[in-house]
Amino acid sequence: MAEQDNTPCPYGGPVVTLAELDTLDDDELLEGYHDGRANEPQPSGNRSKSYWHGWRNGMVDGGHMEGDAAQRELARAYLAQHRAGLTTNVR
């Protein structure tokens, strides 16, 4: 499970801010997550960034590839905000 398997993103790079995370489509993100957990192939440009973000996280959670620095940093930011009582959604 090489970290480079997590890239490149055909959508301009991974989601790295909570503001961008908040713009993603929940349904597409969830569909991508389920596909990633099922070890479906990496999406091409025919899917949205929401789907791709969900797919990446599903691949990691399913143990099919390792997370990368962008995922870890976004998770840290989310947890910090959540612990401060500023978030209610889990994506």
PDB file of N, CA and C in Angstrom:
ATOM      1  N   MET A   1       0.841  -1.187   0.000  1.00  0.00           N
ATOM      2  CA  MET A   1       0.000   0.000   0.000  1.00  0.00           C
ATOM      3  C   MET A   1       0.874   1.233   0.000  1.00  0.00           C
ATOM      4  N   ALA A   2       1.230   1.699  -1.123  1.00  0.00           N
ATOM      5  CA  ALA A   2       2.112   2.851  -1.224  1.00  0.00           C
ATOM      6  C   ALA A   2       1.308   4.139  -1.135  1.00  0.00           C
ATOM      7  N   GLU A   3       1.915   5.128  -0.489  1.00  0.00           N
ATOM      8  CA  GLU A   3       1.230   6.410  -0.345  1.00  0.00           C
ATOM      9  C   GLU A   3       0.943   7.041  -1.703  1.00  0.00           C
ATOM     10  N   GLN A   4       1.799   6.808  -2.706  1.00  0.00           N
ATOM     11  CA  GLN A   4       1.570   7.409  -4.009  1.00  0.00           C
ATOM     12  C   GLN A   4       0.308   6.870  -4.677  1.00  0.00           C
ATOM     13  N   ASP A   5      -0.225   5.727  -4.222  1.00  0.00           N
ATOM     14  CA  ASP A   5      -1.477   5.198  -4.753  1.00  0.00           C
ATOM     15  C   ASP A   5      -2.644   6.138  -4.470  1.00  0.00           C
ATOM     16  N   ASN A   6      -2.478   7.028  -3.521  1.00  0.00           N
ATOM     17  CA  ASN A   6      -3.523   7.949  -3.111  1.00  0.00           C
ATOM     18  C   ASN A   6      -3.590   9.188  -4.002  1.00  0.00           C
ATOM     19  N   THR A   7      -2.706   9.296  -4.974  1.00  0.00           N
ATOM     20  CA  THR A   7      -2.641  10.454  -5.845  1.00  0.00           C
ATOM     21  C   THR A   7      -2.444   9.971  -7.267  1.00  0.00           C
ATOM     22  N   PRO A   8      -2.550  10.717  -8.264  1.00  0.00           N
ATOM     23  CA  PRO A   8      -2.927  12.134  -8.251  1.00  0.00           C
ATOM     24  C   PRO A   8      -4.443  12.310  -8.292  1.00  0.00           C
ATOM     25  N   CYS A   9      -4.862  13.440  -7.883  1.00  0.00           N
ATOM     26  CA  CYS A   9      -6.280  13.784  -7.944  1.00  0.00           C
ATOM     27  C   CYS A   9      -6.559  14.487  -9.268  1.00  0.00           C
ATOM     28  N   PRO A  10      -7.498  13.975 -10.037  1.00  0.00           N
ATOM     29  CA  PRO A  10      -7.827  14.641 -11.302  1.00  0.00           C
ATOM     30  C   PRO A  10      -8.627  15.928 -11.112  1.00  0.00           C
ATOM     31  N   TYR A  11      -8.816  16.354  -9.873  1.00  0.00           N
ATOM     32  CA  TYR A  11      -9.656  17.508  -9.581  1.00  0.00           C
ATOM     33  C   TYR A  11      -8.893  18.639  -8.923  1.00  0.00           C
ATOM     34  N   GLY A  12      -7.594  18.692  -9.125  1.00  0.00           N
ATOM     35  CA  GLY A  12      -6.817  19.795  -8.600  1.00  0.00           C
ATOM     36  C   GLY A  12      -6.233  19.562  -7.227  1.00  0.00           C
ATOM     37  N   GLY A  13      -6.207  18.364  -6.761  1.00  0.00           N
ATOM     38  CA  GLY A  13      -5.613  18.048  -5.468  1.00  0.00           C
ATOM     39  C   GLY A  13      -6.653  17.618  -4.457  1.00  0.00           C
ATOM     40  N   PRO A  14      -6.197  17.023  -3.373  1.00  0.00           N
ATOM     41  CA  PRO A  14      -7.130  16.544  -2.353  1.00  0.00           C
ATOM     42  C   PRO A  14      -7.773  17.684  -1.580  1.00  0.00           C
ATOM     43  N   VAL A  15      -8.859  17.358  -0.911  1.00  0.00           N
ATOM     44  CA  VAL A  15      -9.531  18.314  -0.030  1.00  0.00           C
ATOM     45  C   VAL A  15      -8.626  18.538   1.171  1.00  0.00           C
ATOM     46  N   VAL A  16      -8.284  19.783   1.443  1.00  0.00           N
ATOM     47  CA  VAL A  16      -7.350  20.075   2.531  1.00  0.00           C
ATOM     48  C   VAL A  16      -7.897  21.064   3.557  1.00  0.00           C
ATOM     49  N   THR A  17      -9.068  21.634   3.307  1.00  0.00           N
ATOM     50  CA  THR A  17      -9.632  22.583   4.276  1.00  0.00           C
ATOM     51  C   THR A  17     -11.055  22.163   4.643  1.00  0.00           C
ATOM     52  N   LEU A  18     -11.457  22.553   5.826  1.00  0.00           N
ATOM     53  CA  LEU A  18     -12.824  22.272   6.250  1.00  0.00           C
ATOM     54  C   LEU A  18     -13.829  23.040   5.399  1.00  0.00           C
ATOM     55  N   ALA A  19     -13.453  24.218   4.943  1.00  0.00           N
ATOM     56  CA  ALA A  19     -14.347  24.999   4.084  1.00  0.00           C
ATOM     57  C   ALA A  19     -14.626  24.245   2.785  1.00  0.00           C
ATOM     58  N   GLU A  20     -13.583  23.651   2.204  1.00  0.00           N
ATOM     59  CA  GLU A  20     -13.802  22.883   0.981  1.00  0.00           C
ATOM     60  C   GLU A  20     -14.587  21.615   1.281  1.00  0.00           C
ATOM     61  N   LEU A  21     -14.287  20.952   2.375  1.00  0.00           N
ATOM     62  CA  LEU A  21     -15.027  19.750   2.760  1.00  0.00           C
ATOM     63  C   LEU A  21     -16.518  20.046   2.844  1.00  0.00           C
ATOM     64  N   ASP A  22     -16.851  21.213   3.360  1.00  0.00           N
ATOM     65  CA  ASP A  22     -18.249  21.599   3.533  1.00  0.00           C
ATOM     66  C   ASP A  22     -18.972  21.810   2.202  1.00  0.00           C
ATOM     67  N   THR A  23     -18.243  21.985   1.111  1.00  0.00           N
ATOM     68  CA  THR A  23     -18.880  22.201  -0.193  1.00  0.00           C
ATOM     69  C   THR A  23     -19.185  20.893  -0.926  1.00  0.00           C
ATOM     70  N   LEU A  24     -18.678  19.773  -0.414  1.00  0.00           N
ATOM     71  CA  LEU A  24     -18.841  18.510  -1.122  1.00  0.00           C
ATOM     72  C   LEU A  24     -20.266  17.989  -1.019  1.00  0.00           C
ATOM     73  N   ASP A  25     -20.681  17.266  -2.052  1.00  0.00           N
ATOM     74  CA  ASP A  25     -22.010  16.665  -2.113  1.00  0.00           C
ATOM     75  C   ASP A  25     -22.017  15.388  -1.264  1.00  0.00           C
ATOM     76  N   ASP A  26     -22.880  15.353  -0.252  1.00  0.00           N
ATOM     77  CA  ASP A  26     -22.910  14.225   0.675  1.00  0.00           C
ATOM     78  C   ASP A  26     -23.229  12.895  -0.005  1.00  0.00           C
ATOM     79  N   ASP A  27     -24.178  12.892  -0.925  1.00  0.00           N
ATOM     80  CA  ASP A  27     -24.570  11.648  -1.585  1.00  0.00           C
ATOM     81  C   ASP A  27     -23.434  11.084  -2.439  1.00  0.00           C
ATOM     82  N   GLU A  28     -22.761  11.960  -3.185  1.00  0.00           N
ATOM     83  CA  GLU A  28     -21.646  11.508  -4.017  1.00  0.00           C
ATOM     84  C   GLU A  28     -20.469  11.061  -3.155  1.00  0.00           C
ATOM     85  N   LEU A  29     -20.234  11.775  -2.056  1.00  0.00           N
ATOM     86  CA  LEU A  29     -19.164  11.405  -1.138  1.00  0.00           C
ATOM     87  C   LEU A  29     -19.421  10.012  -0.563  1.00  0.00           C
ATOM     88  N   LEU A  30     -20.646   9.747  -0.150  1.00  0.00           N
ATOM     89  CA  LEU A  30     -21.001   8.455   0.423  1.00  0.00           C
ATOM     90  C   LEU A  30     -20.886   7.333  -0.612  1.00  0.00           C
ATOM     91  N   GLU A  31     -21.321   7.594  -1.833  1.00  0.00           N
ATOM     92  CA  GLU A  31     -21.186   6.598  -2.894  1.00  0.00           C
ATOM     93  C   GLU A  31     -19.714   6.254  -3.127  1.00  0.00           C
ATOM     94  N   GLY A  32     -18.872   7.275  -3.188  1.00  0.00           N
ATOM     95  CA  GLY A  32     -17.449   7.045  -3.365  1.00  0.00           C
ATOM     96  C   GLY A  32     -16.849   6.288  -2.197  1.00  0.00           C
ATOM     97  N   TYR A  33     -17.290   6.612  -0.993  1.00  0.00           N
ATOM     98  CA  TYR A  33     -16.781   5.931   0.195  1.00  0.00           C
ATOM     99  C   TYR A  33     -17.087   4.436   0.128  1.00  0.00           C
ATOM    100  N   HIS A  34     -18.323   4.101  -0.198  1.00  0.00           N
ATOM    101  CA  HIS A  34     -18.706   2.683  -0.295  1.00  0.00           C
ATOM    102  C   HIS A  34     -17.901   1.968  -1.378  1.00  0.00           C
ATOM    103  N   ASP A  35     -17.697   2.641  -2.503  1.00  0.00           N
ATOM    104  CA  ASP A  35     -16.899   2.035  -3.580  1.00  0.00           C
ATOM    105  C   ASP A  35     -15.451   1.843  -3.158  1.00  0.00           C
ATOM    106  N   GLY A  36     -14.899   2.802  -2.438  1.00  0.00           N
ATOM    107  CA  GLY A  36     -13.537   2.665  -1.941  1.00  0.00           C
ATOM    108  C   GLY A  36     -13.402   1.524  -0.955  1.00  0.00           C
ATOM    109  N   ARG A  37     -14.347   1.415  -0.039  1.00  0.00           N
ATOM    110  CA  ARG A  37     -14.315   0.302   0.930  1.00  0.00           C
ATOM    111  C   ARG A  37     -14.381  -1.040   0.216  1.00  0.00           C
ATOM    112  N   ALA A  38     -15.065  -1.057  -0.931  1.00  0.00           N
ATOM    113  CA  ALA A  38     -15.197  -2.293  -1.718  1.00  0.00           C
ATOM    114  C   ALA A  38     -14.001  -2.506  -2.646  1.00  0.00           C
ATOM    115  N   ASN A  39     -13.004  -1.633  -2.562  1.00  0.00           N
ATOM    116  CA  ASN A  39     -11.785  -1.716  -3.371  1.00  0.00           C
ATOM    117  C   ASN A  39     -12.053  -1.568  -4.871  1.00  0.00           C
ATOM    118  N   GLU A  40     -13.006  -0.720  -5.204  1.00  0.00           N
ATOM    119  CA  GLU A  40     -13.278  -0.409  -6.612  1.00  0.00           C
ATOM    120  C   GLU A  40     -12.107   0.390  -7.166  1.00  0.00           C
ATOM    121  N   PRO A  41     -11.896   0.354  -8.495  1.00  0.00           N
ATOM    122  CA  PRO A  41     -10.749   1.086  -9.076  1.00  0.00           C
ATOM    123  C   PRO A  41     -10.842   2.598  -8.862  1.00  0.00           C
ATOM    124  N   GLN A  42      -9.668   3.237  -8.905  1.00  0.00           N
ATOM    125  CA  GLN A  42      -9.610   4.690  -8.746  1.00  0.00           C
ATOM    126  C   GLN A  42     -10.462   5.365  -9.810  1.00  0.00           C
ATOM    127  N   PRO A  43     -11.294   6.322  -9.402  1.00  0.00           N
ATOM    128  CA  PRO A  43     -12.139   7.017 -10.375  1.00  0.00           C
ATOM    129  C   PRO A  43     -11.318   7.898 -11.317  1.00  0.00           C
ATOM    130  N   SER A  44     -11.834   8.044 -12.501  1.00  0.00           N
ATOM    131  CA  SER A  44     -11.196   8.943 -13.464  1.00  0.00           C
ATOM    132  C   SER A  44     -11.957  10.262 -13.466  1.00  0.00           C
ATOM    133  N   GLY A  45     -11.758  11.051 -14.470  1.00  0.00           N
ATOM    134  CA  GLY A  45     -12.388  12.358 -14.544  1.00  0.00           C
ATOM    135  C   GLY A  45     -13.895  12.325 -14.732  1.00  0.00           C
ATOM    136  N   ASN A  46     -14.481  11.130 -14.773  1.00  0.00           N
ATOM    137  CA  ASN A  46     -15.933  11.045 -14.964  1.00  0.00           C
ATOM    138  C   ASN A  46     -16.704  11.115 -13.646  1.00  0.00           C
ATOM    139  N   ARG A  47     -15.998  11.298 -12.549  1.00  0.00           N
ATOM    140  CA  ARG A  47     -16.632  11.411 -11.236  1.00  0.00           C
ATOM    141  C   ARG A  47     -16.302  12.768 -10.629  1.00  0.00           C
ATOM    142  N   SER A  48     -17.104  13.156  -9.654  1.00  0.00           N
ATOM    143  CA  SER A  48     -16.910  14.460  -9.013  1.00  0.00           C
ATOM    144  C   SER A  48     -15.810  14.385  -7.956  1.00  0.00           C
ATOM    145  N   LYS A  49     -15.368  15.551  -7.518  1.00  0.00           N
ATOM    146  CA  LYS A  49     -14.388  15.599  -6.438  1.00  0.00           C
ATOM    147  C   LYS A  49     -14.993  15.045  -5.151  1.00  0.00           C
ATOM    148  N   SER A  50     -16.293  15.222  -4.965  1.00  0.00           N
ATOM    149  CA  SER A  50     -16.965  14.656  -3.796  1.00  0.00           C
ATOM    150  C   SER A  50     -16.819  13.144  -3.783  1.00  0.00           C
ATOM    151  N   TYR A  51     -17.092  12.527  -4.938  1.00  0.00           N
ATOM    152  CA  TYR A  51     -16.962  11.074  -5.054  1.00  0.00           C
ATOM    153  C   TYR A  51     -15.523  10.665  -4.790  1.00  0.00           C
ATOM    154  N   TRP A  52     -14.562  11.368  -5.418  1.00  0.00           N
ATOM    155  CA  TRP A  52     -13.153  11.018  -5.277  1.00  0.00           C
ATOM    156  C   TRP A  52     -12.706  11.107  -3.818  1.00  0.00           C
ATOM    157  N   HIS A  53     -13.144  12.154  -3.118  1.00  0.00           N
ATOM    158  CA  HIS A  53     -12.789  12.312  -1.703  1.00  0.00           C
ATOM    159  C   HIS A  53     -13.329  11.129  -0.897  1.00  0.00           C
ATOM    160  N   GLY A  54     -14.578  10.768  -1.129  1.00  0.00           N
ATOM    161  CA  GLY A  54     -15.159   9.626  -0.431  1.00  0.00           C
ATOM    162  C   GLY A  54     -14.439   8.332  -0.766  1.00  0.00           C
ATOM    163  N   TRP A  55     -14.091   8.153  -2.035  1.00  0.00           N
ATOM    164  CA  TRP A  55     -13.384   6.947  -2.475  1.00  0.00           C
ATOM    165  C   TRP A  55     -12.044   6.821  -1.757  1.00  0.00           C
ATOM    166  N   ARG A  56     -11.293   7.922  -1.695  1.00  0.00           N
ATOM    167  CA  ARG A  56      -9.986   7.891  -1.018  1.00  0.00           C
ATOM    168  C   ARG A  56     -10.135   7.439   0.427  1.00  0.00           C
ATOM    169  N   ASN A  57     -11.110   8.013   1.129  1.00  0.00           N
ATOM    170  CA  ASN A  57     -11.298   7.671   2.531  1.00  0.00           C
ATOM    171  C   ASN A  57     -11.790   6.237   2.699  1.00  0.00           C
ATOM    172  N   GLY A  58     -12.642   5.774   1.795  1.00  0.00           N
ATOM    173  CA  GLY A  58     -13.085   4.389   1.835  1.00  0.00           C
ATOM    174  C   GLY A  58     -11.943   3.418   1.589  1.00  0.00           C
ATOM    175  N   MET A  59     -11.046   3.759   0.664  1.00  0.00           N
ATOM    176  CA  MET A  59      -9.887   2.903   0.395  1.00  0.00           C
ATOM    177  C   MET A  59      -9.015   2.786   1.641  1.00  0.00           C
ATOM    178  N   VAL A  60      -8.813   3.898   2.333  1.00  0.00           N
ATOM    179  CA  VAL A  60      -7.985   3.884   3.539  1.00  0.00           C
ATOM    180  C   VAL A  60      -8.698   3.107   4.651  1.00  0.00           C
ATOM    181  N   ASP A  61      -9.966   3.418   4.888  1.00  0.00           N
ATOM    182  CA  ASP A  61     -10.703   2.747   5.958  1.00  0.00           C
ATOM    183  C   ASP A  61     -10.858   1.250   5.689  1.00  0.00           C
ATOM    184  N   GLY A  62     -10.913   0.881   4.404  1.00  0.00           N
ATOM    185  CA  GLY A  62     -11.022  -0.525   4.038  1.00  0.00           C
ATOM    186  C   GLY A  62      -9.688  -1.258   4.063  1.00  0.00           C
ATOM    187  N   GLY A  63      -8.605  -0.545   4.322  1.00  0.00           N
ATOM    188  CA  GLY A  63      -7.285  -1.161   4.395  1.00  0.00           C
ATOM    189  C   GLY A  63      -6.669  -1.462   3.043  1.00  0.00           C
ATOM    190  N   HIS A  64      -7.157  -0.797   1.987  1.00  0.00           N
ATOM    191  CA  HIS A  64      -6.657  -1.043   0.630  1.00  0.00           C
ATOM    192  C   HIS A  64      -5.492  -0.144   0.256  1.00  0.00           C
ATOM    193  N   MET A  65      -5.323   0.953   0.977  1.00  0.00           N
ATOM    194  CA  MET A  65      -4.178   1.830   0.783  1.00  0.00           C
ATOM    195  C   MET A  65      -3.980   2.675   2.032  1.00  0.00           C
ATOM    196  N   GLU A  66      -2.801   3.245   2.119  1.00  0.00           N
ATOM    197  CA  GLU A  66      -2.463   4.067   3.270  1.00  0.00           C
ATOM    198  C   GLU A  66      -2.962   5.493   3.082  1.00  0.00           C
ATOM    199  N   GLY A  67      -3.285   6.129   4.181  1.00  0.00           N
ATOM    200  CA  GLY A  67      -3.652   7.531   4.128  1.00  0.00           C
ATOM    201  C   GLY A  67      -2.431   8.380   3.835  1.00  0.00           C
ATOM    202  N   ASP A  68      -2.682   9.619   3.427  1.00  0.00           N
ATOM    203  CA  ASP A  68      -1.571  10.519   3.137  1.00  0.00           C
ATOM    204  C   ASP A  68      -1.627  11.738   4.048  1.00  0.00           C
ATOM    205  N   ALA A  69      -0.671  12.596   3.885  1.00  0.00           N
ATOM    206  CA  ALA A  69      -0.553  13.777   4.751  1.00  0.00           C
ATOM    207  C   ALA A  69      -1.789  14.666   4.663  1.00  0.00           C
ATOM    208  N   ALA A  70      -2.357  14.822   3.470  1.00  0.00           N
ATOM    209  CA  ALA A  70      -3.535  15.677   3.321  1.00  0.00           C
ATOM    210  C   ALA A  70      -4.716  15.115   4.114  1.00  0.00           C
ATOM    211  N   GLN A  71      -4.902  13.819   4.067  1.00  0.00           N
ATOM    212  CA  GLN A  71      -5.992  13.208   4.821  1.00  0.00           C
ATOM    213  C   GLN A  71      -5.779  13.360   6.327  1.00  0.00           C
ATOM    214  N   ARG A  72      -4.572  13.150   6.769  1.00  0.00           N
ATOM    215  CA  ARG A  72      -4.289  13.273   8.200  1.00  0.00           C
ATOM    216  C   ARG A  72      -4.498  14.706   8.683  1.00  0.00           C
ATOM    217  N   GLU A  73      -4.057  15.676   7.907  1.00  0.00           N
ATOM    218  CA  GLU A  73      -4.197  17.081   8.301  1.00  0.00           C
ATOM    219  C   GLU A  73      -5.668  17.490   8.340  1.00  0.00           C
ATOM    220  N   LEU A  74      -6.449  17.054   7.346  1.00  0.00           N
ATOM    221  CA  LEU A  74      -7.876  17.375   7.335  1.00  0.00           C
ATOM    222  C   LEU A  74      -8.571  16.733   8.532  1.00  0.00           C
ATOM    223  N   ALA A  75      -8.215  15.503   8.852  1.00  0.00           N
ATOM    224  CA  ALA A  75      -8.801  14.827  10.012  1.00  0.00           C
ATOM    225  C   ALA A  75      -8.458  15.576  11.296  1.00  0.00           C
ATOM    226  N   ARG A  76      -7.226  16.030  11.429  1.00  0.00           N
ATOM    227  CA  ARG A  76      -6.821  16.806  12.620  1.00  0.00           C
ATOM    228  C   ARG A  76      -7.643  18.090  12.736  1.00  0.00           C
ATOM    229  N   ALA A  77      -7.811  18.779  11.614  1.00  0.00           N
ATOM    230  CA  ALA A  77      -8.574  20.035  11.628  1.00  0.00           C
ATOM    231  C   ALA A  77     -10.030  19.775  12.000  1.00  0.00           C
ATOM    232  N   TYR A  78     -10.596  18.709  11.445  1.00  0.00           N
ATOM    233  CA  TYR A  78     -11.982  18.376  11.759  1.00  0.00           C
ATOM    234  C   TYR A  78     -12.140  18.058  13.247  1.00  0.00           C
ATOM    235  N   LEU A  79     -11.247  17.218  13.761  1.00  0.00           N
ATOM    236  CA  LEU A  79     -11.338  16.846  15.171  1.00  0.00           C
ATOM    237  C   LEU A  79     -11.178  18.051  16.093  1.00  0.00           C
ATOM    238  N   ALA A  80     -10.271  18.941  15.763  1.00  0.00           N
ATOM    239  CA  ALA A  80     -10.076  20.139  16.581  1.00  0.00           C
ATOM    240  C   ALA A  80     -11.349  20.976  16.598  1.00  0.00           C
ATOM    241  N   GLN A  81     -11.961  21.145  15.448  1.00  0.00           N
ATOM    242  CA  GLN A  81     -13.188  21.934  15.378  1.00  0.00           C
ATOM    243  C   GLN A  81     -14.330  21.216  16.091  1.00  0.00           C
ATOM    244  N   HIS A  82     -14.404  19.910  15.899  1.00  0.00           N
ATOM    245  CA  HIS A  82     -15.454  19.118  16.546  1.00  0.00           C
ATOM    246  C   HIS A  82     -15.323  19.190  18.070  1.00  0.00           C
ATOM    247  N   ARG A  83     -14.107  19.041  18.554  1.00  0.00           N
ATOM    248  CA  ARG A  83     -13.877  19.091  20.002  1.00  0.00           C
ATOM    249  C   ARG A  83     -14.194  20.456  20.589  1.00  0.00           C
ATOM    250  N   ALA A  84     -14.077  21.475  19.773  1.00  0.00           N
ATOM    251  CA  ALA A  84     -14.413  22.831  20.215  1.00  0.00           C
ATOM    252  C   ALA A  84     -15.927  23.073  20.156  1.00  0.00           C
ATOM    253  N   GLY A  85     -16.670  22.055  19.690  1.00  0.00           N
ATOM    254  CA  GLY A  85     -18.118  22.177  19.617  1.00  0.00           C
ATOM    255  C   GLY A  85     -18.597  22.953  18.414  1.00  0.00           C
ATOM    256  N   LEU A  86     -17.761  23.070  17.393  1.00  0.00           N
ATOM    257  CA  LEU A  86     -18.123  23.880  16.232  1.00  0.00           C
ATOM    258  C   LEU A  86     -18.637  23.072  15.046  1.00  0.00           C
ATOM    259  N   THR A  87     -18.640  21.740  15.140  1.00  0.00           N
ATOM    260  CA  THR A  87     -19.141  20.919  14.046  1.00  0.00           C
ATOM    261  C   THR A  87     -20.156  19.932  14.582  1.00  0.00           C
ATOM    262  N   THR A  88     -21.073  19.553  13.712  1.00  0.00           N
ATOM    263  CA  THR A  88     -22.050  18.532  14.057  1.00  0.00           C
ATOM    264  C   THR A  88     -22.076  17.430  13.022  1.00  0.00           C
ATOM    265  N   ASN A  89     -21.553  17.684  11.838  1.00  0.00           N
ATOM    266  CA  ASN A  89     -21.533  16.712  10.743  1.00  0.00           C
ATOM    267  C   ASN A  89     -20.282  15.866  10.792  1.00  0.00           C
ATOM    268  N   VAL A  90     -20.405  14.622  10.417  1.00  0.00           N
ATOM    269  CA  VAL A  90     -19.235  13.764  10.213  1.00  0.00           C
ATOM    270  C   VAL A  90     -19.229  13.397   8.755  1.00  0.00           C
ATOM    271  N   ARG A  91     -18.131  13.686   8.078  1.00  0.00           N
ATOM    272  CA  ARG A  91     -18.040  13.358   6.648  1.00  0.00           C
ATOM    273  C   ARG A  91     -17.018  12.319   6.464  1.00  0.00           C
TER     274      ARG A  91
END
